């Protein structure tokens, strides 16, 4: 039963730290543009250059 004297304040302090971290992220603007970041990864920044082939075969050694 004496362990509750230690665990109760510890859990309250841990909860307050979690709330403080959440408020800190709100003030920093972490949640301002949630949908933009999710869609930004799907959009290409620039079109690939024509005639530029990324999948070139490896050079073969013909010297024997």
N, C-alpha and C. Protein backbone atom coordinates (compact mmCIF):
# COMPACT_ATOMS: atom_id res chain seq x y z
N UNK A 1 0.82 -1.19 0.00
CA UNK A 1 0.00 0.00 0.00
C UNK A 1 0.87 1.26 0.00
N UNK A 2 2.08 1.15 0.51
CA UNK A 2 2.97 2.32 0.53
C UNK A 2 3.44 2.69 -0.87
N UNK A 3 3.38 1.74 -1.79
CA UNK A 3 3.82 2.03 -3.16
C UNK A 3 2.90 3.05 -3.83
N UNK A 4 1.64 3.12 -3.39
CA UNK A 4 0.72 4.10 -3.95
C UNK A 4 1.15 5.52 -3.63
N UNK A 5 1.83 5.71 -2.53
CA UNK A 5 2.33 7.04 -2.19
C UNK A 5 3.40 7.50 -3.17
N UNK A 6 4.03 6.57 -3.84
CA UNK A 6 5.03 6.90 -4.84
C UNK A 6 4.42 6.93 -6.25
N UNK A 7 3.57 5.97 -6.56
CA UNK A 7 3.04 5.85 -7.91
C UNK A 7 2.00 6.92 -8.25
N UNK A 8 1.19 7.33 -7.30
CA UNK A 8 0.16 8.33 -7.58
C UNK A 8 0.77 9.68 -8.00
N UNK A 9 1.71 10.24 -7.25
CA UNK A 9 2.32 11.49 -7.72
C UNK A 9 3.12 11.32 -9.01
N UNK A 10 3.74 10.16 -9.16
CA UNK A 10 4.51 9.91 -10.38
C UNK A 10 3.60 9.90 -11.60
N UNK A 11 2.44 9.29 -11.51
CA UNK A 11 1.52 9.25 -12.65
C UNK A 11 0.93 10.62 -12.94
N UNK A 12 0.69 11.42 -11.91
CA UNK A 12 0.18 12.78 -12.11
C UNK A 12 1.24 13.63 -12.81
N UNK A 13 2.48 13.52 -12.39
CA UNK A 13 3.57 14.27 -13.01
C UNK A 13 3.75 13.84 -14.46
N UNK A 14 3.68 12.54 -14.72
CA UNK A 14 3.82 12.03 -16.08
C UNK A 14 2.68 12.52 -16.97
N UNK A 15 1.47 12.57 -16.44
CA UNK A 15 0.33 13.09 -17.19
C UNK A 15 0.48 14.56 -17.49
N UNK A 16 0.97 15.33 -16.53
CA UNK A 16 1.19 16.76 -16.76
C UNK A 16 2.27 17.00 -17.80
N UNK A 17 3.30 16.16 -17.81
CA UNK A 17 4.34 16.27 -18.83
C UNK A 17 3.77 15.97 -20.22
N UNK A 18 2.89 15.00 -20.32
CA UNK A 18 2.27 14.67 -21.60
C UNK A 18 1.40 15.82 -22.09
N UNK A 19 0.64 16.43 -21.20
CA UNK A 19 -0.20 17.57 -21.58
C UNK A 19 0.68 18.75 -21.99
N UNK A 20 1.77 18.99 -21.27
CA UNK A 20 2.68 20.08 -21.61
C UNK A 20 3.32 19.85 -22.98
N UNK A 21 3.68 18.61 -23.29
CA UNK A 21 4.26 18.31 -24.61
C UNK A 21 3.23 18.53 -25.71
N UNK A 22 1.99 18.17 -25.46
CA UNK A 22 0.93 18.37 -26.45
C UNK A 22 0.68 19.86 -26.69
N UNK A 23 0.64 20.65 -25.63
CA UNK A 23 0.43 22.09 -25.77
C UNK A 23 1.61 22.72 -26.50
N UNK A 24 2.81 22.24 -26.22
CA UNK A 24 4.01 22.75 -26.89
C UNK A 24 3.93 22.50 -28.40
N UNK A 25 3.49 21.30 -28.80
CA UNK A 25 3.38 21.02 -30.23
C UNK A 25 2.26 21.84 -30.87
N UNK A 26 1.20 22.12 -30.14
CA UNK A 26 0.15 22.98 -30.68
C UNK A 26 0.66 24.38 -30.94
N UNK A 27 1.40 24.92 -30.00
CA UNK A 27 1.93 26.29 -30.16
C UNK A 27 3.01 26.37 -31.23
N UNK A 28 3.71 25.27 -31.47
CA UNK A 28 4.76 25.25 -32.49
C UNK A 28 4.19 25.09 -33.89
N UNK A 29 2.89 24.83 -34.01
CA UNK A 29 2.27 24.71 -35.32
C UNK A 29 2.40 23.33 -35.93
N UNK A 30 2.57 22.33 -35.11
CA UNK A 30 2.75 20.97 -35.60
C UNK A 30 1.51 20.46 -36.33
N UNK A 31 0.34 20.88 -35.92
CA UNK A 31 -0.90 20.36 -36.48
C UNK A 31 -1.61 21.35 -37.38
N UNK A 32 -0.91 22.36 -37.90
CA UNK A 32 -1.55 23.37 -38.72
C UNK A 32 -1.99 22.83 -40.08
N UNK A 33 -1.14 22.05 -40.72
CA UNK A 33 -1.43 21.57 -42.07
C UNK A 33 -1.24 20.06 -42.12
N UNK A 34 -2.20 19.35 -41.57
CA UNK A 34 -2.09 17.89 -41.49
C UNK A 34 -2.25 17.26 -42.87
N UNK A 35 -3.22 17.72 -43.63
CA UNK A 35 -3.51 17.09 -44.92
C UNK A 35 -2.46 17.44 -45.98
N UNK A 36 -1.86 18.59 -45.90
CA UNK A 36 -0.89 19.00 -46.91
C UNK A 36 0.34 18.11 -46.93
N UNK A 37 0.83 17.73 -45.79
CA UNK A 37 2.01 16.87 -45.74
C UNK A 37 1.70 15.48 -46.27
N UNK A 38 0.51 15.00 -46.04
CA UNK A 38 0.14 13.67 -46.52
C UNK A 38 0.01 13.65 -48.03
N UNK A 39 -0.45 14.74 -48.62
CA UNK A 39 -0.61 14.78 -50.07
C UNK A 39 0.65 15.23 -50.78
N UNK A 40 1.52 15.93 -50.12
CA UNK A 40 2.73 16.45 -50.74
C UNK A 40 3.66 15.34 -51.21
N UNK A 41 3.67 14.22 -50.50
CA UNK A 41 4.55 13.13 -50.88
C UNK A 41 4.08 12.44 -52.16
N UNK A 42 2.81 12.58 -52.50
CA UNK A 42 2.27 11.94 -53.69
C UNK A 42 2.49 12.75 -54.96
N UNK A 43 2.82 14.02 -54.84
CA UNK A 43 2.95 14.91 -55.98
C UNK A 43 4.42 15.02 -56.36
N UNK A 44 4.73 14.82 -57.65
CA UNK A 44 6.10 14.98 -58.14
C UNK A 44 6.43 16.46 -58.20
N UNK A 45 7.66 16.80 -57.85
CA UNK A 45 8.08 18.19 -57.88
C UNK A 45 8.35 18.68 -59.30
N UNK A 46 8.99 17.86 -60.10
CA UNK A 46 9.31 18.27 -61.46
C UNK A 46 9.19 17.06 -62.38
N UNK A 47 8.94 17.35 -63.65
CA UNK A 47 8.80 16.28 -64.63
C UNK A 47 10.19 15.75 -65.00
N UNK A 48 10.30 14.47 -65.29
CA UNK A 48 11.60 13.93 -65.70
C UNK A 48 12.00 14.45 -67.07
N UNK A 49 13.30 14.59 -67.30
CA UNK A 49 13.79 15.09 -68.58
C UNK A 49 13.60 14.03 -69.65
N UNK A 50 13.16 14.43 -70.85
CA UNK A 50 12.98 13.44 -71.91
C UNK A 50 14.33 12.91 -72.40
N UNK A 51 14.37 11.66 -72.73
CA UNK A 51 15.59 11.04 -73.24
C UNK A 51 16.54 10.59 -72.15
N UNK A 52 16.24 10.87 -70.92
CA UNK A 52 17.11 10.47 -69.81
C UNK A 52 16.56 9.18 -69.22
N UNK A 53 17.28 8.11 -69.42
CA UNK A 53 16.83 6.79 -68.95
C UNK A 53 17.62 6.42 -67.70
N UNK A 54 16.91 6.22 -66.61
CA UNK A 54 17.58 5.90 -65.36
C UNK A 54 18.03 4.45 -65.30
N UNK A 55 17.35 3.57 -66.02
CA UNK A 55 17.66 2.14 -65.96
C UNK A 55 18.58 1.76 -67.13
N UNK A 56 19.83 2.16 -67.07
CA UNK A 56 20.80 1.81 -68.11
C UNK A 56 21.45 0.48 -67.75
N UNK A 57 21.72 -0.35 -68.75
CA UNK A 57 22.39 -1.63 -68.45
C UNK A 57 23.83 -1.40 -68.03
N UNK A 58 24.35 -2.31 -67.24
CA UNK A 58 25.74 -2.22 -66.78
C UNK A 58 26.68 -2.45 -67.96
N UNK A 59 27.79 -1.73 -67.99
CA UNK A 59 28.74 -1.94 -69.10
C UNK A 59 29.35 -3.34 -69.03
N UNK A 60 29.53 -3.93 -70.20
CA UNK A 60 30.11 -5.28 -70.25
C UNK A 60 31.60 -5.18 -70.52
N UNK A 61 32.34 -6.10 -69.99
CA UNK A 61 33.79 -6.12 -70.16
C UNK A 61 34.12 -6.94 -71.41
N UNK A 62 34.61 -6.26 -72.45
CA UNK A 62 34.91 -6.94 -73.71
C UNK A 62 36.40 -7.17 -73.91
N UNK A 63 37.22 -6.87 -72.89
CA UNK A 63 38.67 -7.04 -73.05
C UNK A 63 39.09 -8.47 -72.84
N UNK A 64 38.25 -9.30 -72.34
CA UNK A 64 38.56 -10.71 -72.29
C UNK A 64 39.01 -11.19 -71.01
